[in-house]
Structures are given as structure tokens and as C-alpha cells.
Amino acid sequence: MVRVRILVLTSSTGAGHNARAQAFAEWCFELYRHDVDVRIEQMLEKSSGFYRTGVDFYNWIQKKSPWLHKAFFLFVELLSLLNRRSVSFGRHYYTAVLREYQPHLVFSVHDCLNRGYFQLARQLLGANRVRCATYCGEFSGGFGYSANWVEPTADLYISRTPTARDYAVKLGMPAARTRVRGYLMAPRAHLEVFDAAARAAYLEHTLELRPDLFTVFLATGGNGANNHRELLPKLLPHAAEIQAVVICGRNRETYNELVHWRTEHPEFNCHVDGFSEEVHLLMQVSDAIVTRGGTTTCAKALHFRCPIIINVIGGVMPQEELTVKFFHRGAGVELITNAADFGRIIDGWMADRQRYAQLCDNFLNLRYEEDPILVVRELVDLAQEVSGTSLQPGPFPPKPRK
């Protein structure tokens, strides 16, 4: 039997692209087991030293100087011209992967891996032997929405929100080949859902916190860009009412500082961790999350009904502006430009819980329910158009094994 082969193109500019690539691979195995083979390629950094330098610079900017990214973003937009018909930098490596793997579907989850990449795949493999699709995780359109996301010849273009889909159509994507599919989270995020009793038990026994306190989650991406050390002292005046969950990503220096800070403030309940694979659980036990405008974290927060405070300290990267705009305009989500802003918000919520309740209502109005299997099935079916197979997904949640 022919195995469906799907090549996923991603890059480590932030953590969101890779998270979606991994989630898709996990879903394919969950639903189709060994009948669907998914190969994930860090195509930018593996194919070209030029691109690898750009990825490293992007991540440095994200951690140190987000304001610099506006100029960097405009430079990256030139790729929409450079790769208009084919791949320029990294062509040799990408060509070798295509010839060796012979994918039925090239699936891009990164803005810089659409234009040129789809055309070259068709040129090498044959237009009738490969399909091409894009999943764009942006929340809205405008400045920060890269033109590189839109390759009008794509067989399928998936957007996270109707607003973002409409902007893709404005940039030239045929509307008939677009879909709106929201979250693309790993299967475990849909399986590991707390009820009230489980939430309290996780707080008390796993995090060693109190189930009766207002819980603030100070989050960060995998790179560890954060302002936790400045924000935590603003919670101390409310130690009798508030506790904190803090993750530091792969930032060992911050982790060490916060472990020391926690020891110096025994009156404040605080759970500190480094990189966490349980963010979906931490959101479920938190009453609010402080995060930058990363699309993956914000999408999870919306799914798990955890209202956001958006951290814009040090500036906002163009892609983050799209997320900020969506949540700030759509739900009145508050932004913090410094620690004083954070203290003002927390003080206001503790003085008048109705202000927090109103934010929750507005925030949840942006939310919608979705069958998580739908987007996976659509992509696999697209690959099956050329693979000659007729696979059907297995049940989810899976039946217990005997």
C-alpha cells in the first residue's frame, strides 16, 4: 500500500511555527498511524547559511530589541520578489529533499517558505504529482502580515481567523481555495482538559499552590524573552489574594534569578519552572496570562479561556502587532509598556473584580469551537488527490487499547 508522504516546511523563528508543524505530525499519527508519513524540515536554517544567520538574528531581536524588527521585517519582505517564481538561497538542499522524499503534499507553516517553494516542487515532481498548502497563524491583517504568506498558486490556504483570511484574499489568494481553521494544537491539548476538581488538584499537588487564590501566569516563548523580574514585585502587595505561575523558557539566567527571588519572598505563593511542555495545563489553572503577542500562546489562551495581558515592553514586533490589534480592538485586552502598567491593572482588578469579569466576557466573545480533526483531514485528503489512496481517519478520542 502506498504511504501518503507530507513534507512540512518550517523554521525556528520563534516557537510557533515549529509548534504547529509538530502538532500536525502528531495529529497525522493519531488519526492515520503509519499510513501517513510526515517529514518536518527546518528549511531556512538547514538549506542556507544566509538564512541561518537571519534566523539567529531574528531570535536575538526577539529577546533583546523587538523595536529593531520593523526594519528587519521590511528586509524580509524583499523575499516576496526574490522568490517570486523559484527558490534562490537554499535551492540545492530543498531540491535534494524533494527528489529523495517525493512528497505528495508540501505543507508550509512559515511565511518565508511559500513563494518559490511551491513552484519548484511542481517543476521537479510534476504538477499532477504534488499538492501545496499553507497554514498561516496570524490573527489579523495589515502591517506585519507578510506578503510572503500568500502564494496564489497554493492548492489550499488556511487562516486562523476570518479577518486574516480576508487580508490574504486582498493580497491575491483566490477565496475559493481558502479556509478558516483556528487552533492546530497537539492532540494532548484536546485530551488533557480539567474539570473544577482536577484544576484544584493540579494547583495543590503538582504546583504546590492554593486553589482559592487568583492565579497569574507569567509566560514566555521557548527563547525565554521575558520581563518577569520587573513584573513579579507588582504582585507582592496582593500576596493574600494572588499567586503566580512563572515559566522561563530556555533562559537559565532568568530561571536562576527567579528561584532566588522566590526564596527571598516566602510570603508570596509562586511556582517557577524553565521550559514547560504543560502550558496548556498551566493556562487551565490560571485566571490571567501575561504574554507577548505570539500567535501560538495567544491562541491557546483563547481556547482555554485564560484572559490575556499583552506585554509590549521594549516594543512590538510587526507580526505581534497583528495579534495585539486583534485582541486589543476585539476584546479590550490591556497592554503593558512597563511594570507600572501591570501594577495598575492588577490593582484595579483586585479593587473591582467586575472589571476583570467584563474583560473575561469580552475575551470569550472572540472564541469559537472547532473540530480539531477537520484541518488535518483536509490536508491529508489534499495529499491523497495525487497519492491514489483513500484513507479515513481513525476515531478521536481514540478507543482504549485492550
Protein backbone atom coordinates (compact mmCIF):
# COMPACT_ATOMS: atom_id res chain seq x y z
CA MET A 1 0.00 0.00 0.00
CA VAL A 2 1.21 3.49 -0.87
CA ARG A 3 2.02 5.60 2.17
CA VAL A 4 0.95 9.26 2.00
CA ARG A 5 4.04 11.48 2.26
CA ILE A 6 3.76 15.04 3.55
CA LEU A 7 6.71 17.43 3.71
CA VAL A 8 6.25 20.19 6.30
CA LEU A 9 8.34 23.34 5.84
CA THR A 10 9.08 25.32 8.99
CA SER A 11 11.76 27.38 10.73
CA SER A 12 12.75 28.29 14.29
CA THR A 13 11.91 31.99 14.08
CA GLY A 14 10.10 31.96 17.39
CA ALA A 15 8.44 28.80 18.62
CA GLY A 16 5.02 28.97 16.97
CA HIS A 17 5.89 27.66 13.52
CA ASN A 18 7.59 24.58 14.90
CA ALA A 19 4.78 24.00 17.38
CA ARG A 20 2.23 23.89 14.57
CA ALA A 21 4.43 21.60 12.48
CA GLN A 22 4.82 19.20 15.39
CA ALA A 23 1.13 19.34 16.23
CA PHE A 24 0.23 18.43 12.64
CA ALA A 25 2.63 15.48 12.69
CA GLU A 26 1.19 14.23 15.97
CA TRP A 27 -2.33 14.50 14.63
CA CYS A 28 -1.45 12.54 11.50
CA PHE A 29 -0.07 9.69 13.58
CA GLU A 30 -3.01 9.87 16.00
CA LEU A 31 -5.55 9.59 13.17
CA TYR A 32 -3.77 7.63 10.43
CA ARG A 33 -0.91 5.84 12.24
CA HIS A 34 1.73 4.54 9.79
CA ASP A 35 -0.32 5.21 6.67
CA VAL A 36 0.70 8.90 6.66
CA ASP A 37 4.37 9.81 6.86
CA VAL A 38 5.22 13.38 7.91
CA ARG A 39 8.71 14.78 7.41
CA ILE A 40 9.39 18.12 9.14
CA GLU A 41 12.21 20.22 7.72
CA GLN A 42 13.76 23.34 9.28
CA MET A 43 14.12 24.52 5.72
CA LEU A 44 15.52 28.01 6.21
CA GLU A 45 18.37 27.23 8.61
CA LYS A 46 19.23 23.82 7.11
CA SER A 47 19.30 24.95 3.50
CA SER A 48 21.36 28.14 3.60
CA GLY A 49 23.97 29.88 5.75
CA PHE A 50 22.40 33.19 4.75
CA TYR A 51 19.03 32.10 6.07
CA ARG A 52 20.56 30.51 9.17
CA THR A 53 22.15 33.85 10.06
CA GLY A 54 18.80 35.57 9.52
CA VAL A 55 17.01 33.12 11.82
CA ASP A 56 19.60 33.66 14.56
CA PHE A 57 19.33 37.43 14.17
CA TYR A 58 15.53 37.26 14.34
CA ASN A 59 15.65 35.36 17.62
CA TRP A 60 18.24 37.75 19.05
CA ILE A 61 15.97 40.69 18.19
CA GLN A 62 13.01 38.98 19.82
CA LYS A 63 14.90 38.59 23.08
CA LYS A 64 16.86 41.85 23.16
CA SER A 65 15.41 44.56 20.92
CA PRO A 66 11.92 43.96 19.46
CA TRP A 67 11.85 47.54 18.11
CA LEU A 68 14.59 46.60 15.59
CA HIS A 69 12.33 44.11 13.93
CA LYS A 70 10.43 46.69 11.90
CA ALA A 71 13.50 47.27 9.73
CA PHE A 72 14.24 43.54 9.64
CA PHE A 73 10.65 42.79 8.64
CA LEU A 74 10.87 45.17 5.66
CA PHE A 75 14.10 43.49 4.57
CA VAL A 76 12.48 40.03 4.77
CA GLU A 77 9.60 41.28 2.63
CA LEU A 78 12.02 41.50 -0.28
CA LEU A 79 11.89 37.71 -0.42
CA SER A 80 8.45 38.08 -1.98
CA LEU A 81 10.28 39.44 -5.03
CA LEU A 82 13.39 37.25 -4.79
CA ASN A 83 11.37 34.01 -4.62
CA ARG A 84 8.58 35.08 -6.90
CA ARG A 85 8.94 32.09 -9.24
CA SER A 86 11.51 29.80 -7.68
CA VAL A 87 13.84 29.33 -4.70
CA SER A 88 17.04 31.37 -4.62
CA PHE A 89 19.01 30.77 -1.43
CA GLY A 90 18.95 27.16 -0.24
CA ARG A 91 17.77 25.77 -3.56
CA HIS A 92 20.26 22.86 -3.60
CA TYR A 93 19.17 21.45 -0.24
CA TYR A 94 15.44 21.87 -0.94
CA THR A 95 15.82 20.20 -4.34
CA ALA A 96 17.63 17.25 -2.76
CA VAL A 97 14.85 16.81 -0.19
CA LEU A 98 12.14 16.89 -2.85
CA ARG A 99 13.88 14.34 -5.05
CA GLU A 100 14.67 11.98 -2.19
CA TYR A 101 11.34 12.18 -0.34
CA GLN A 102 8.91 12.63 -3.28
CA PRO A 103 6.15 14.24 -1.16
CA HIS A 104 2.51 14.15 -2.16
CA LEU A 105 1.95 17.40 -0.24
CA VAL A 106 4.29 20.28 0.54
CA PHE A 107 2.80 21.97 3.59
CA SER A 108 4.26 25.30 4.73
CA VAL A 109 3.69 26.73 8.19
CA HIS A 110 6.14 29.63 7.72
CA ASP A 111 5.76 32.87 5.80
CA CYS A 112 9.16 32.62 4.04
CA LEU A 113 8.57 29.09 2.76
CA ASN A 114 5.71 29.51 0.30
CA ARG A 115 6.64 31.64 -2.70
CA GLY A 116 9.05 29.85 -4.96
CA TYR A 117 8.94 26.66 -2.88
CA PHE A 118 5.61 25.55 -4.31
CA GLN A 119 6.63 26.35 -7.89
CA LEU A 120 9.91 24.45 -7.56
CA ALA A 121 8.12 21.41 -6.11
CA ARG A 122 5.77 21.28 -9.09
CA GLN A 123 8.65 21.79 -11.53
CA LEU A 124 10.68 18.90 -10.09
CA LEU A 125 7.91 16.45 -9.23
CA GLY A 126 5.27 17.32 -11.80
CA ALA A 127 2.20 19.48 -11.33
CA ASN A 128 -0.05 16.41 -11.16
CA ARG A 129 2.09 14.60 -8.59
CA VAL A 130 2.23 17.10 -5.72
CA ARG A 131 -0.11 19.48 -3.93
CA CYS A 132 0.87 22.57 -1.93
CA ALA A 133 -0.76 24.17 1.11
CA THR A 134 -0.11 26.93 3.65
CA TYR A 135 -1.21 27.35 7.26
CA CYS A 136 -0.93 31.00 8.35
CA GLY A 137 -1.21 31.58 12.09
CA GLU A 138 -1.73 35.36 12.03
CA PHE A 139 -4.82 36.79 13.71
CA SER A 140 -5.39 39.86 11.50
CA GLY A 141 -4.04 41.75 8.50
CA GLY A 142 -2.14 44.96 7.89
CA PHE A 143 1.45 45.89 8.59
CA GLY A 144 3.15 42.80 9.95
CA TYR A 145 1.25 40.37 7.74
CA SER A 146 3.99 39.25 5.38
CA ALA A 147 3.28 39.21 1.67
CA ASN A 148 5.36 36.03 1.67
CA TRP A 149 2.44 34.19 3.26
CA VAL A 150 0.41 34.44 0.08
CA GLU A 151 1.36 32.30 -2.91
CA PRO A 152 -1.71 32.49 -5.17
CA THR A 153 -0.98 29.10 -6.78
CA ALA A 154 -1.34 27.25 -3.46
CA ASP A 155 -3.95 24.50 -3.57
CA LEU A 156 -5.13 25.37 -0.06
CA TYR A 157 -4.57 28.40 2.18
CA ILE A 158 -5.60 28.07 5.81
CA SER A 159 -6.05 31.12 8.04
CA ARG A 160 -6.63 31.30 11.78
CA THR A 161 -9.40 33.93 11.64
CA PRO A 162 -11.83 35.32 9.04
CA THR A 163 -10.07 38.70 9.37
CA ALA A 164 -6.73 37.20 8.39
CA ARG A 165 -8.33 35.18 5.59
CA ASP A 166 -9.87 38.31 4.09
CA TYR A 167 -6.48 40.01 4.10
CA ALA A 168 -4.92 37.05 2.28
CA VAL A 169 -7.63 37.34 -0.37
CA LYS A 170 -6.85 41.05 -0.64
CA LEU A 171 -3.21 40.15 -1.33
CA GLY A 172 -4.21 37.84 -4.17
CA MET A 173 -5.15 34.45 -2.72
CA PRO A 174 -8.24 33.07 -4.53
CA ALA A 175 -11.07 32.95 -1.99
CA ALA A 176 -12.28 29.53 -3.17
CA ARG A 177 -9.02 27.96 -2.00
CA THR A 178 -9.04 29.47 1.48
CA ARG A 179 -10.30 28.01 4.76
CA VAL A 180 -10.59 29.35 8.30
CA ARG A 181 -9.33 26.81 10.82
CA GLY A 182 -8.32 28.03 14.22
CA TYR A 183 -6.03 26.36 16.67
CA LEU A 184 -3.92 23.45 15.30
CA MET A 185 -2.83 22.37 18.78
CA ALA A 186 -1.37 18.99 19.64
CA PRO A 187 -3.84 16.16 20.38
CA ARG A 188 -2.96 16.12 24.09
CA ALA A 189 -4.25 19.69 24.41
CA HIS A 190 -7.70 18.38 23.47
CA LEU A 191 -7.45 15.32 25.68
CA GLU A 192 -6.00 16.83 28.87
CA VAL A 193 -8.85 19.11 29.90
CA PHE A 194 -9.51 19.86 33.56
CA ASP A 195 -12.81 19.98 35.37
CA ALA A 196 -13.03 22.02 38.59
CA ALA A 197 -11.82 19.19 40.82
CA ALA A 198 -8.85 18.36 38.58
CA ARG A 199 -7.94 22.04 38.37
CA ALA A 200 -7.81 22.34 42.15
CA ALA A 201 -5.82 19.12 42.49
CA TYR A 202 -3.25 20.23 39.90
CA LEU A 203 -2.77 23.57 41.64
CA GLU A 204 -2.40 22.00 45.05
CA HIS A 205 -0.49 18.79 44.42
CA THR A 206 1.54 19.48 41.26
CA LEU A 207 2.28 23.20 41.51
CA GLU A 208 2.06 23.39 45.33
CA LEU A 209 -0.18 26.44 45.12
CA ARG A 210 -3.56 27.28 46.63
CA PRO A 211 -6.77 26.58 44.68
CA ASP A 212 -8.54 29.56 46.27
CA LEU A 213 -6.18 32.33 45.11
CA PHE A 214 -6.30 34.40 41.91
CA THR A 215 -3.55 32.89 39.71
CA VAL A 216 -1.47 34.99 37.31
CA PHE A 217 0.57 33.12 34.69
CA LEU A 218 3.75 34.91 33.56
CA ALA A 219 4.58 33.15 30.32
CA THR A 220 7.33 33.26 27.71
CA GLY A 221 8.20 31.54 24.48
CA GLY A 222 10.84 28.88 24.07
CA ASN A 223 13.54 31.52 23.60
CA GLY A 224 12.87 32.84 27.09
CA ALA A 225 12.27 36.52 26.25
CA ASN A 226 10.50 37.93 29.32
CA ASN A 227 10.18 40.71 31.92
CA HIS A 228 9.30 38.50 34.88
CA ARG A 229 11.79 40.08 37.26
CA GLU A 230 10.20 43.52 36.81
CA LEU A 231 6.60 42.29 36.95
CA LEU A 232 6.60 39.96 39.95
CA PRO A 233 7.15 42.70 42.58
CA LYS A 234 3.88 44.32 41.44
CA LEU A 235 2.02 41.25 42.72
CA LEU A 236 3.55 41.35 46.21
CA PRO A 237 1.08 43.91 47.67
CA HIS A 238 -1.70 41.39 46.90
CA ALA A 239 0.06 38.31 48.29
CA ALA A 240 -3.04 37.42 50.34
CA GLU A 241 -5.18 37.29 47.17
CA ILE A 242 -2.82 36.47 44.30
CA GLN A 243 -0.29 33.77 43.41
CA ALA A 244 1.84 33.31 40.31
CA VAL A 245 2.89 30.61 37.87
CA VAL A 246 6.13 31.56 36.08
CA ILE A 247 7.92 29.81 33.22
CA CYS A 248 11.26 30.98 31.85
CA GLY A 249 11.66 29.03 28.61
CA ARG A 250 15.24 28.10 27.83
CA ASN A 251 16.53 31.15 29.71
CA ARG A 252 18.61 29.64 32.51
CA GLU A 253 19.74 33.03 33.82
CA THR A 254 16.17 34.21 34.42
CA TYR A 255 15.24 30.89 35.99
CA ASN A 256 18.10 31.15 38.49
CA GLU A 257 17.19 34.74 39.35
CA LEU A 258 13.55 33.89 39.99
CA VAL A 259 14.32 30.86 42.13
CA HIS A 260 16.38 33.20 44.30
CA TRP A 261 13.62 35.85 44.26
CA ARG A 262 11.06 33.29 45.40
CA THR A 263 13.26 32.31 48.35
CA GLU A 264 13.51 35.96 49.38
CA HIS A 265 9.70 36.35 49.38
CA PRO A 266 8.24 33.38 51.26
CA GLU A 267 5.03 35.31 51.84
CA PHE A 268 4.17 35.05 48.13
CA ASN A 269 2.97 31.79 46.56
CA CYS A 270 4.91 31.25 43.36
CA HIS A 271 5.64 28.27 41.08
CA VAL A 272 8.76 28.71 38.92
CA ASP A 273 9.73 26.46 36.02
CA GLY A 274 12.01 26.62 32.97
CA PHE A 275 10.82 25.32 29.62
CA SER A 276 7.42 23.67 30.02
CA GLU A 277 5.57 21.11 27.92
CA GLU A 278 2.45 21.69 30.02
CA VAL A 279 1.50 25.23 29.06
CA HIS A 280 -1.99 24.00 28.13
CA LEU A 281 -2.42 22.76 31.72
CA LEU A 282 -0.97 25.91 33.28
CA MET A 283 -3.43 28.02 31.31
CA GLN A 284 -6.35 25.99 32.59
CA VAL A 285 -5.44 26.69 36.23
CA SER A 286 -4.69 30.40 35.67
CA ASP A 287 -7.06 33.36 35.84
CA ALA A 288 -4.94 35.53 33.54
CA ILE A 289 -1.79 35.19 31.44
CA VAL A 290 0.86 37.82 30.72
CA THR A 291 2.49 37.15 27.36
CA ARG A 292 3.91 38.83 24.30
CA GLY A 293 1.87 38.73 21.12
CA GLY A 294 2.97 35.29 19.99
CA THR A 295 0.20 33.66 17.99
CA THR A 296 0.52 30.16 19.45
CA THR A 297 0.38 31.21 23.09
CA CYS A 298 -2.46 33.66 22.49
CA ALA A 299 -4.46 31.08 20.53
CA LYS A 300 -4.06 28.55 23.34
CA ALA A 301 -5.09 31.15 25.91
CA LEU A 302 -8.24 31.88 23.93
CA HIS A 303 -9.04 28.19 23.57
CA PHE A 304 -8.56 27.56 27.29
CA ARG A 305 -10.45 30.71 28.32
CA CYS A 306 -7.49 32.37 30.02
CA PRO A 307 -7.70 36.17 29.53
CA ILE A 308 -4.55 37.87 28.26
CA ILE A 309 -2.50 40.86 29.35
CA ILE A 310 -0.22 41.59 26.40
CA ASN A 311 3.38 42.50 27.19
CA VAL A 312 4.69 45.16 24.78
CA ILE A 313 7.63 46.24 26.95
CA GLY A 314 10.55 47.16 24.69
CA GLY A 315 8.40 47.45 21.59
CA VAL A 316 6.25 45.20 19.44
CA MET A 317 7.47 43.07 16.56
CA PRO A 318 5.42 43.58 13.37
CA GLN A 319 3.94 40.07 13.50
CA GLU A 320 2.98 40.63 17.13
CA GLU A 321 1.18 43.83 16.15
CA LEU A 322 -1.36 41.71 14.28
CA THR A 323 -2.12 39.75 17.45
CA VAL A 324 -2.16 42.88 19.62
CA LYS A 325 -4.60 44.54 17.23
CA PHE A 326 -6.93 41.53 17.17
CA PHE A 327 -7.22 41.19 20.95
CA HIS A 328 -6.98 44.86 21.93
CA ARG A 329 -9.59 46.06 19.45
CA GLY A 330 -11.74 42.98 19.61
CA ALA A 331 -11.86 42.42 23.37
CA GLY A 332 -10.27 45.41 25.07
CA VAL A 333 -7.32 43.30 26.20
CA GLU A 334 -4.90 45.54 28.08
CA LEU A 335 -1.31 46.26 27.07
CA ILE A 336 1.60 46.89 29.39
CA THR A 337 4.53 49.06 28.30
CA ASN A 338 6.24 48.89 31.70
CA ALA A 339 5.89 47.29 35.13
CA ALA A 340 3.83 50.23 36.40
CA ASP A 341 1.13 49.45 33.81
CA PHE A 342 1.00 45.89 35.07
CA GLY A 343 0.67 47.05 38.68
CA ARG A 344 -2.14 49.41 37.72
CA ILE A 345 -4.10 46.61 36.02
CA ILE A 346 -3.69 44.19 38.93
CA ASP A 347 -4.57 46.87 41.48
CA GLY A 348 -7.71 47.69 39.50
CA TRP A 349 -8.81 44.07 39.24
CA MET A 350 -8.32 43.45 42.94
CA ALA A 351 -10.21 46.63 43.85
CA ASP A 352 -13.09 45.88 41.50
CA ARG A 353 -13.48 42.27 40.36
CA GLN A 354 -16.20 43.35 37.95
CA ARG A 355 -13.54 44.92 35.73
CA TYR A 356 -11.88 41.52 35.43
CA ALA A 357 -15.24 39.82 34.84
CA GLN A 358 -16.02 42.23 32.00
CA LEU A 359 -12.67 41.52 30.37
CA CYS A 360 -13.40 37.79 30.56
CA ASP A 361 -16.76 38.25 28.84
CA ASN A 362 -15.24 40.34 26.04
CA PHE A 363 -12.35 37.94 25.63
CA LEU A 364 -14.55 34.88 25.35
CA ASN A 365 -16.66 36.57 22.67
CA LEU A 366 -13.66 36.10 20.32
CA ARG A 367 -13.66 32.37 20.91
CA TYR A 368 -15.20 29.65 18.75
CA GLU A 369 -15.42 25.88 18.98
CA GLU A 370 -13.83 23.76 16.29
CA ASP A 371 -13.44 20.12 15.38
CA PRO A 372 -9.65 19.68 15.62
CA ILE A 373 -9.70 16.78 13.15
CA LEU A 374 -11.13 18.86 10.30
CA VAL A 375 -7.99 20.72 9.22
CA VAL A 376 -5.87 17.55 9.42
CA ARG A 377 -8.34 15.59 7.32
CA GLU A 378 -8.50 18.37 4.70
CA LEU A 379 -4.72 18.40 4.34
CA VAL A 380 -4.35 14.63 4.18
CA ASP A 381 -7.19 14.46 1.64
CA LEU A 382 -5.34 17.04 -0.46
CA ALA A 383 -2.29 14.77 -0.49
CA GLN A 384 -4.50 11.79 -1.36
CA GLU A 385 -5.57 13.51 -4.57
CA VAL A 386 -2.17 12.57 -6.01
CA SER A 387 -1.20 9.57 -3.87
CA GLY A 388 -4.03 7.38 -5.13
CA THR A 389 -5.09 6.41 -1.61
CA SER A 390 -8.43 6.68 0.17
CA LEU A 391 -7.54 6.71 3.86
CA GLN A 392 -10.10 7.56 6.51
CA PRO A 393 -9.10 8.98 9.91
CA GLY A 394 -9.47 6.86 12.99
CA PRO A 395 -11.65 7.90 15.94
CA PHE A 396 -10.76 10.74 18.28
CA PRO A 397 -10.55 10.50 21.21
CA PRO A 398 -9.01 7.09 20.46
CA LYS A 399 -10.63 3.94 21.76
CA PRO A 400 -8.86 2.41 24.76
CA ARG A 401 -6.46 -0.34 23.80
CA LYS A 402 -7.09 -3.78 25.22
